[in-house]
């Protein structure tokens, strides 16, 4: 079992915590603070234990000097200072004399945030390619390494996999919580176990479907990916997004698991995503040639409700409609309302579904909302997580 931060001696130690502060920003303002807020328990624990806390994170992708201006972590440091009610010293460098001097002079319970680790990507993608020299340098700044960045746990970067090779290490409290809930969805979920899958493409979810269809009692399909399934079942889908090359896969799946896979029975359509003036409610056998399906309909929500109300574990990845548009948010919002009032263990698997749940006001009504979409998918696919493998190897 992985050691969490509470099992390690960190008093008066320089503790490097890899966080995931990759938050949406606009004009230097943080639009969604979820990942920052979720990192607080680990940071606060380290402060309470008298550690000297050194925070690392990436933000966005850095391909040019211009990207650096838009993706500085300075606003995160200022925001974090307010949340902690404590000064977070921001160093606008990722390495060098200033970094070394300020860390060397740290006092117990002080906090430093270094600049965006991906600034190192401008030179041979050193961060993203897990450059060993960079990893060893960052490791030299601390005594203990804690990985609390669930959103990057499936990536091998210098700031997560690399550093861990050189220091005593463990996981943070957010990482522990993420793994605990996702394991509930794949190892021994309480039955009946229902999975909601949405999003754009079947091809993005094949490994997830293949893994979960053997474990779940029901898989409720929504979003644009539903139209590939509907087409494979013989329905015309008009201009709806679908993947012709995945129809064979969907047909085989429906034949083999007809008792588990539940498809929409009605759809909300328009003639395109950019034109919401004319919106129609159609049964799946009524979709017109010039129409595009953009949400599940109210009858489908009622059908899905029957499966959800009987469930003891519910996992959801991928919105069931284009929820960014008010006229196509009702399906996603309706399912959120249903599961938020159930006694089942409810888990939302990151990405757009997390954004929808939080944006629609369900942040505190779901048992667990993951901070990592790509990472949670790889857990559900049964793939090894690179940043945890290195920790396990050191046991």
Protein backbone atom coordinates (compact mmCIF):
# COMPACT_ATOMS: atom_id res chain seq x y z
CA UNK A 1 0.00 0.00 0.00
CA UNK A 2 1.25 3.49 -0.85
CA UNK A 3 2.35 5.64 2.08
CA UNK A 4 0.45 8.86 2.51
CA UNK A 5 1.97 12.04 3.91
CA UNK A 6 0.77 11.21 7.44
CA UNK A 7 2.99 8.13 7.54
CA UNK A 8 6.17 10.13 6.84
CA UNK A 9 8.35 12.21 9.15
CA UNK A 10 8.14 15.73 7.73
CA UNK A 11 8.75 17.93 10.79
CA UNK A 12 11.29 20.63 9.92
CA UNK A 13 11.88 18.84 6.60
CA UNK A 14 11.80 20.54 3.21
CA UNK A 15 8.79 18.84 1.64
CA UNK A 16 8.25 19.10 -2.10
CA UNK A 17 4.54 18.68 -2.91
CA UNK A 18 3.61 18.17 -6.55
CA UNK A 19 0.14 19.71 -6.84
CA UNK A 20 -2.18 20.08 -9.80
CA UNK A 21 -2.86 23.80 -10.14
CA UNK A 22 -3.68 23.44 -13.84
CA UNK A 23 -6.81 25.57 -13.50
CA UNK A 24 -8.74 27.53 -16.15
CA UNK A 25 -7.61 31.17 -16.26
CA UNK A 26 -8.84 34.22 -18.11
CA UNK A 27 -6.89 37.48 -18.08
CA UNK A 28 -4.96 36.32 -15.03
CA UNK A 29 -8.14 35.43 -13.11
CA UNK A 30 -8.90 31.91 -11.91
CA UNK A 31 -12.26 30.73 -13.30
CA UNK A 32 -12.54 27.45 -11.38
CA UNK A 33 -10.62 26.95 -8.12
CA UNK A 34 -11.58 23.29 -7.56
CA UNK A 35 -8.09 21.84 -8.00
CA UNK A 36 -6.57 24.48 -5.73
CA UNK A 37 -9.18 23.95 -3.01
CA UNK A 38 -8.80 20.16 -3.21
CA UNK A 39 -5.04 20.50 -2.63
CA UNK A 40 -5.52 22.37 0.67
CA UNK A 41 -5.75 19.39 3.08
CA UNK A 42 -2.29 18.12 2.10
CA UNK A 43 -0.68 21.57 2.19
CA UNK A 44 -2.33 22.46 5.50
CA UNK A 45 -1.25 19.18 7.06
CA UNK A 46 2.36 19.79 6.02
CA UNK A 47 2.24 23.30 7.51
CA UNK A 48 0.70 22.03 10.76
CA UNK A 49 3.47 19.44 11.07
CA UNK A 50 6.11 22.15 10.81
CA UNK A 51 7.38 21.31 7.33
CA UNK A 52 9.01 23.76 4.94
CA UNK A 53 6.61 23.45 2.03
CA UNK A 54 7.80 23.72 -1.59
CA UNK A 55 4.99 23.52 -4.16
CA UNK A 56 5.38 22.48 -7.79
CA UNK A 57 2.76 22.46 -10.54
CA UNK A 58 2.30 22.88 -14.26
CA UNK A 59 -0.23 25.17 -15.93
CA UNK A 60 -1.27 24.80 -19.56
CA UNK A 61 1.13 23.97 -22.39
CA UNK A 62 4.28 25.97 -23.01
CA UNK A 63 5.46 26.09 -26.62
CA UNK A 64 6.66 29.71 -26.86
CA UNK A 65 7.79 32.67 -24.78
CA UNK A 66 4.32 34.13 -25.31
CA UNK A 67 2.77 31.09 -23.61
CA UNK A 68 4.83 31.84 -20.51
CA UNK A 69 3.10 35.21 -20.04
CA UNK A 70 -0.33 33.59 -20.07
CA UNK A 71 0.57 30.59 -17.93
CA UNK A 72 2.43 31.97 -14.96
CA UNK A 73 1.50 30.54 -11.56
CA UNK A 74 1.69 33.94 -9.86
CA UNK A 75 -2.13 34.32 -9.67
CA UNK A 76 -2.30 30.86 -8.08
CA UNK A 77 0.21 31.89 -5.40
CA UNK A 78 -1.87 34.98 -4.61
CA UNK A 79 -5.11 32.98 -4.51
CA UNK A 80 -3.55 30.24 -2.39
CA UNK A 81 -2.30 32.86 0.09
CA UNK A 82 -5.90 33.94 0.67
CA UNK A 83 -7.17 30.38 1.07
CA UNK A 84 -4.41 29.46 3.53
CA UNK A 85 -4.56 32.83 5.28
CA UNK A 86 -0.79 32.70 5.01
CA UNK A 87 1.79 34.20 2.66
CA UNK A 88 2.81 31.94 -0.19
CA UNK A 89 6.12 33.15 -1.56
CA UNK A 90 6.12 32.97 -5.35
CA UNK A 91 9.44 32.55 -7.18
CA UNK A 92 9.13 33.30 -10.88
CA UNK A 93 11.87 30.79 -11.71
CA UNK A 94 11.95 27.01 -11.95
CA UNK A 95 15.61 26.77 -10.92
CA UNK A 96 18.69 28.87 -10.23
CA UNK A 97 20.39 30.87 -7.50
CA UNK A 98 17.26 32.70 -6.32
CA UNK A 99 15.35 29.44 -5.96
CA UNK A 100 18.19 27.80 -4.05
CA UNK A 101 18.77 30.76 -1.73
CA UNK A 102 15.13 31.23 -0.78
CA UNK A 103 14.62 27.54 -0.14
CA UNK A 104 17.81 27.33 1.89
CA UNK A 105 16.54 30.16 4.12
CA UNK A 106 13.02 28.77 4.60
CA UNK A 107 11.58 28.63 8.08
CA UNK A 108 9.33 25.93 9.48
CA UNK A 109 5.70 26.26 8.29
CA UNK A 110 6.61 28.58 5.39
CA UNK A 111 5.37 27.98 1.84
CA UNK A 112 7.05 28.59 -1.52
CA UNK A 113 5.53 28.06 -4.98
CA UNK A 114 7.95 27.79 -7.90
CA UNK A 115 7.04 28.89 -11.40
CA UNK A 116 5.19 26.62 -13.83
CA UNK A 117 7.21 23.41 -14.24
CA UNK A 118 6.41 23.38 -17.96
CA UNK A 119 8.47 26.51 -18.48
CA UNK A 120 11.21 23.88 -18.70
CA UNK A 121 9.51 22.49 -21.82
CA UNK A 122 10.85 25.31 -23.96
CA UNK A 123 14.22 23.57 -23.95
CA UNK A 124 13.86 19.99 -25.27
CA UNK A 125 10.61 19.43 -23.32
CA UNK A 126 12.63 18.63 -20.22
CA UNK A 127 9.64 18.55 -17.87
CA UNK A 128 7.25 16.57 -20.09
CA UNK A 129 9.98 14.17 -21.23
CA UNK A 130 11.06 13.44 -17.65
CA UNK A 131 14.57 14.79 -18.06
CA UNK A 132 16.72 13.12 -15.40
CA UNK A 133 19.04 16.06 -14.81
CA UNK A 134 16.07 18.36 -14.16
CA UNK A 135 14.42 15.82 -11.87
CA UNK A 136 17.61 15.36 -9.87
CA UNK A 137 17.98 19.14 -9.55
CA UNK A 138 14.45 19.60 -8.21
CA UNK A 139 14.93 16.67 -5.85
CA UNK A 140 18.09 18.35 -4.48
CA UNK A 141 15.91 21.18 -3.18
CA UNK A 142 13.99 19.01 -0.73
CA UNK A 143 14.13 16.17 1.80
CA UNK A 144 10.79 14.46 1.09
CA UNK A 145 8.58 14.27 -2.02
CA UNK A 146 4.77 14.06 -1.92
CA UNK A 147 2.77 13.49 -5.10
CA UNK A 148 -0.70 15.01 -4.74
CA UNK A 149 -1.30 15.78 -8.44
CA UNK A 150 -3.86 13.18 -9.47
CA UNK A 151 -4.44 14.96 -12.77
CA UNK A 152 -0.92 14.04 -13.97
CA UNK A 153 -0.59 10.63 -12.31
CA UNK A 154 -0.77 8.88 -15.69
CA UNK A 155 2.11 10.98 -17.10
CA UNK A 156 5.84 10.52 -16.58
CA UNK A 157 7.17 14.02 -15.97
CA UNK A 158 10.34 15.21 -14.27
CA UNK A 159 8.23 16.81 -11.52
CA UNK A 160 6.40 13.61 -10.56
CA UNK A 161 8.10 10.41 -11.73
CA UNK A 162 11.59 11.92 -11.96
CA UNK A 163 11.81 13.51 -8.50
CA UNK A 164 10.39 10.39 -6.84
CA UNK A 165 13.48 8.38 -7.82
CA UNK A 166 15.71 10.54 -5.64
CA UNK A 167 13.78 11.17 -2.41
CA UNK A 168 11.77 9.41 0.29
CA UNK A 169 8.24 9.82 -1.04
CA UNK A 170 4.53 9.23 -0.65
CA UNK A 171 1.14 10.48 -1.79
CA UNK A 172 -0.96 13.38 -0.61
CA UNK A 173 -4.45 13.31 0.85
CA UNK A 174 -6.13 14.28 -2.42
CA UNK A 175 -4.35 11.50 -4.30
CA UNK A 176 -5.39 9.05 -1.60
CA UNK A 177 -9.04 10.16 -1.83
CA UNK A 178 -9.07 9.94 -5.65
CA UNK A 179 -7.67 6.41 -5.65
CA UNK A 180 -10.04 5.29 -2.89
CA UNK A 181 -13.16 6.35 -4.77
CA UNK A 182 -12.00 5.17 -8.19
CA UNK A 183 -11.15 1.78 -6.75
CA UNK A 184 -14.75 1.60 -5.56
CA UNK A 185 -15.75 1.94 -9.18
CA UNK A 186 -13.51 -0.84 -10.52
CA UNK A 187 -12.62 -3.33 -7.79
CA UNK A 188 -15.56 -4.20 -5.53
CA UNK A 189 -18.39 -1.77 -6.19
CA UNK A 190 -21.56 -2.29 -4.18
CA UNK A 191 -24.24 -3.73 -6.45
CA UNK A 192 -26.26 -2.87 -8.38
CA UNK A 193 -23.50 -0.89 -10.09
CA UNK A 194 -24.48 1.54 -12.85
CA UNK A 195 -22.13 3.44 -15.16
CA UNK A 196 -23.14 6.53 -17.16
CA UNK A 197 -20.93 7.13 -20.20
CA UNK A 198 -21.18 10.18 -22.43
CA UNK A 199 -18.90 12.47 -24.37
CA UNK A 200 -18.13 12.71 -28.06
CA UNK A 201 -16.46 9.51 -29.19
CA UNK A 202 -16.80 5.79 -28.67
CA UNK A 203 -13.13 5.51 -29.68
CA UNK A 204 -12.12 7.53 -26.60
CA UNK A 205 -13.92 5.09 -24.29
CA UNK A 206 -13.32 1.64 -25.82
CA UNK A 207 -10.90 0.48 -23.12
CA UNK A 208 -13.18 1.86 -20.41
CA UNK A 209 -16.22 0.13 -21.87
CA UNK A 210 -14.37 -3.16 -22.31
CA UNK A 211 -13.21 -3.05 -18.69
CA UNK A 212 -16.42 -1.84 -17.05
CA UNK A 213 -18.98 -3.83 -19.02
CA UNK A 214 -17.77 -6.96 -17.22
CA UNK A 215 -18.18 -5.33 -13.80
CA UNK A 216 -21.18 -3.05 -14.12
CA UNK A 217 -24.79 -4.19 -13.98
CA UNK A 218 -25.83 -1.44 -16.38
CA UNK A 219 -24.13 1.04 -18.70
CA UNK A 220 -26.27 4.03 -19.66
CA UNK A 221 -25.05 5.62 -22.90
CA UNK A 222 -25.55 9.32 -23.71
CA UNK A 223 -23.73 12.16 -25.39
CA UNK A 224 -22.61 12.16 -29.02
CA UNK A 225 -21.19 8.65 -28.60
CA UNK A 226 -24.76 7.36 -28.30
CA UNK A 227 -25.34 8.00 -32.01
CA UNK A 228 -22.74 5.46 -33.07
CA UNK A 229 -24.55 2.91 -30.91
CA UNK A 230 -27.94 3.98 -32.27
CA UNK A 231 -26.68 3.75 -35.85
CA UNK A 232 -25.32 0.26 -35.17
CA UNK A 233 -28.81 -0.65 -33.88
CA UNK A 234 -30.31 0.41 -37.21
CA UNK A 235 -31.53 3.95 -36.50
CA UNK A 236 -30.95 6.95 -38.75
CA UNK A 237 -29.08 9.68 -36.87
CA UNK A 238 -29.16 12.55 -39.37
CA UNK A 239 -26.21 14.93 -38.97
CA UNK A 240 -25.44 13.73 -35.43
CA UNK A 241 -21.80 13.09 -34.62
CA UNK A 242 -20.95 9.41 -35.04
CA UNK A 243 -18.03 7.14 -35.92
CA UNK A 244 -18.78 4.83 -38.86
CA UNK A 245 -15.61 2.84 -38.25
CA UNK A 246 -16.83 1.93 -34.74
CA UNK A 247 -20.27 0.66 -35.77
CA UNK A 248 -19.02 -2.93 -35.93
CA UNK A 249 -17.61 -2.66 -32.41
CA UNK A 250 -20.90 -1.23 -31.10
CA UNK A 251 -22.92 -3.94 -32.84
CA UNK A 252 -20.83 -6.69 -31.22
CA UNK A 253 -21.16 -5.02 -27.84
CA UNK A 254 -24.93 -4.66 -28.13
CA UNK A 255 -25.27 -8.29 -29.22
CA UNK A 256 -23.16 -9.56 -26.33
CA UNK A 257 -24.40 -7.25 -23.58
CA UNK A 258 -27.96 -6.37 -24.64
CA UNK A 259 -29.07 -6.85 -21.03
CA UNK A 260 -26.54 -4.31 -19.72
CA UNK A 261 -26.31 -1.49 -22.28
CA UNK A 262 -29.13 1.07 -22.19
CA UNK A 263 -29.48 3.55 -25.07
CA UNK A 264 -31.55 6.76 -25.31
CA UNK A 265 -35.15 6.48 -26.48
CA UNK A 266 -35.55 10.17 -27.32
CA UNK A 267 -33.25 12.99 -28.34
CA UNK A 268 -33.20 16.80 -28.39
CA UNK A 269 -32.24 17.95 -31.89
CA UNK A 270 -31.46 21.10 -33.84
CA UNK A 271 -30.07 21.70 -37.32
CA UNK A 272 -26.66 22.43 -35.81
CA UNK A 273 -24.83 23.41 -32.65
CA UNK A 274 -24.58 27.03 -33.76
CA UNK A 275 -28.31 27.39 -34.38
CA UNK A 276 -30.47 26.83 -31.33
CA UNK A 277 -33.50 28.77 -32.56
CA UNK A 278 -35.35 25.63 -33.61
CA UNK A 279 -35.07 22.81 -31.09
CA UNK A 280 -37.03 19.58 -31.40
CA UNK A 281 -37.80 16.63 -29.16
CA UNK A 282 -37.63 13.41 -31.18
CA UNK A 283 -37.98 9.70 -30.56
CA UNK A 284 -34.87 7.96 -31.85
CA UNK A 285 -36.76 6.68 -34.90
CA UNK A 286 -37.87 10.22 -35.84
CA UNK A 287 -34.54 12.02 -36.31
CA UNK A 288 -34.59 13.95 -39.62
CA UNK A 289 -31.81 13.95 -42.20
CA UNK A 290 -30.92 17.59 -41.55
CA UNK A 291 -31.01 17.34 -37.74
CA UNK A 292 -28.27 16.85 -35.20
CA UNK A 293 -28.85 15.22 -31.83
CA UNK A 294 -27.49 17.44 -29.06
CA UNK A 295 -28.93 16.07 -25.80
CA UNK A 296 -30.86 13.14 -24.41
CA UNK A 297 -34.59 13.74 -24.11
CA UNK A 298 -36.86 13.81 -21.03
CA UNK A 299 -38.17 10.27 -21.61
CA UNK A 300 -34.60 8.96 -21.63
CA UNK A 301 -33.94 10.76 -18.35
CA UNK A 302 -36.96 8.93 -16.88
CA UNK A 303 -35.71 5.58 -18.20
CA UNK A 304 -32.22 6.19 -16.83
CA UNK A 305 -33.76 7.20 -13.49
CA UNK A 306 -35.20 3.69 -13.05
CA UNK A 307 -31.73 2.13 -13.24
CA UNK A 308 -30.08 4.81 -11.11
CA UNK A 309 -32.62 4.66 -8.28
CA UNK A 310 -31.95 0.94 -7.81
CA UNK A 311 -28.15 1.40 -7.79
CA UNK A 312 -25.77 1.35 -4.85
CA UNK A 313 -22.72 2.55 -6.82
CA UNK A 314 -22.86 5.04 -9.72
CA UNK A 315 -19.90 6.14 -11.82
CA UNK A 316 -20.28 8.83 -14.49
CA UNK A 317 -17.82 9.96 -17.15
CA UNK A 318 -18.83 12.23 -20.02
CA UNK A 319 -21.79 14.65 -20.22
CA UNK A 320 -24.89 13.36 -22.03
CA UNK A 321 -25.41 16.52 -24.10
CA UNK A 322 -23.83 19.81 -25.17
CA UNK A 323 -24.42 21.24 -21.70
CA UNK A 324 -22.47 24.41 -22.53
CA UNK A 325 -25.64 25.55 -24.33
CA UNK A 326 -28.67 26.18 -22.12
CA UNK A 327 -31.07 24.41 -24.49
CA UNK A 328 -28.97 21.22 -24.37
CA UNK A 329 -28.13 21.07 -20.67
CA UNK A 330 -31.34 19.48 -19.40
CA UNK A 331 -30.21 15.88 -19.81
CA UNK A 332 -26.97 16.35 -17.91
CA UNK A 333 -28.65 18.52 -15.27
CA UNK A 334 -31.52 16.08 -14.90
CA UNK A 335 -29.19 13.15 -14.22
CA UNK A 336 -27.17 15.25 -11.75
CA UNK A 337 -30.37 16.08 -9.88
CA UNK A 338 -31.32 12.40 -9.74
CA UNK A 339 -28.01 11.05 -8.48
CA UNK A 340 -27.52 13.89 -6.00
CA UNK A 341 -30.60 12.69 -4.11
CA UNK A 342 -29.71 9.01 -3.93
CA UNK A 343 -28.14 7.04 -1.09
CA UNK A 344 -25.78 5.34 -3.54
CA UNK A 345 -22.04 6.05 -3.69
CA UNK A 346 -21.81 8.59 -6.51
CA UNK A 347 -18.57 9.26 -8.39
CA UNK A 348 -17.95 11.68 -11.26
CA UNK A 349 -14.83 10.92 -13.27
CA UNK A 350 -13.32 14.29 -14.10
CA UNK A 351 -13.13 16.33 -17.30
CA UNK A 352 -16.27 17.96 -18.72
CA UNK A 353 -18.56 16.02 -16.37
CA UNK A 354 -16.77 17.57 -13.40
CA UNK A 355 -17.07 21.01 -15.01
CA UNK A 356 -20.79 20.46 -15.56
CA UNK A 357 -21.43 19.21 -12.02
CA UNK A 358 -19.62 22.12 -10.40
CA UNK A 359 -20.99 24.73 -12.80
CA UNK A 360 -24.55 23.54 -12.21
CA UNK A 361 -24.21 23.70 -8.44
CA UNK A 362 -23.75 20.04 -7.50
CA UNK A 363 -20.23 20.29 -6.08
CA UNK A 364 -21.28 19.34 -2.55
CA UNK A 365 -24.04 16.92 -3.52
CA UNK A 366 -21.91 14.18 -5.10
CA UNK A 367 -19.75 11.83 -3.00
CA UNK A 368 -16.67 12.31 -5.15
CA UNK A 369 -15.92 14.58 -8.11
CA UNK A 370 -12.54 13.71 -9.60
CA UNK A 371 -9.96 16.39 -10.41
CA UNK A 372 -8.42 14.38 -13.25
CA UNK A 373 -10.32 13.36 -16.39
CA UNK A 374 -7.53 11.63 -18.30
CA UNK A 375 -6.13 10.04 -15.15
CA UNK A 376 -9.49 8.69 -14.02
CA UNK A 377 -10.08 7.16 -17.46
CA UNK A 378 -6.75 5.33 -17.30
CA UNK A 379 -7.62 3.99 -13.85
CA UNK A 380 -10.91 2.72 -15.24
CA UNK A 381 -9.13 1.20 -18.24
CA UNK A 382 -7.01 -0.79 -15.80
CA UNK A 383 -3.79 0.78 -17.03
CA UNK A 384 -0.79 1.25 -14.70
CA UNK A 385 -0.26 4.82 -13.49
CA UNK A 386 3.32 5.90 -14.17
CA UNK A 387 3.65 8.29 -11.24
CA UNK A 388 2.43 5.64 -8.79
CA UNK A 389 4.52 2.83 -10.24
CA UNK A 390 7.71 4.65 -9.26
CA UNK A 391 6.41 5.03 -5.69
CA UNK A 392 5.53 1.34 -5.49
CA UNK A 393 8.98 0.37 -6.77
CA UNK A 394 10.58 2.20 -3.82
CA UNK A 395 8.64 0.31 -1.12
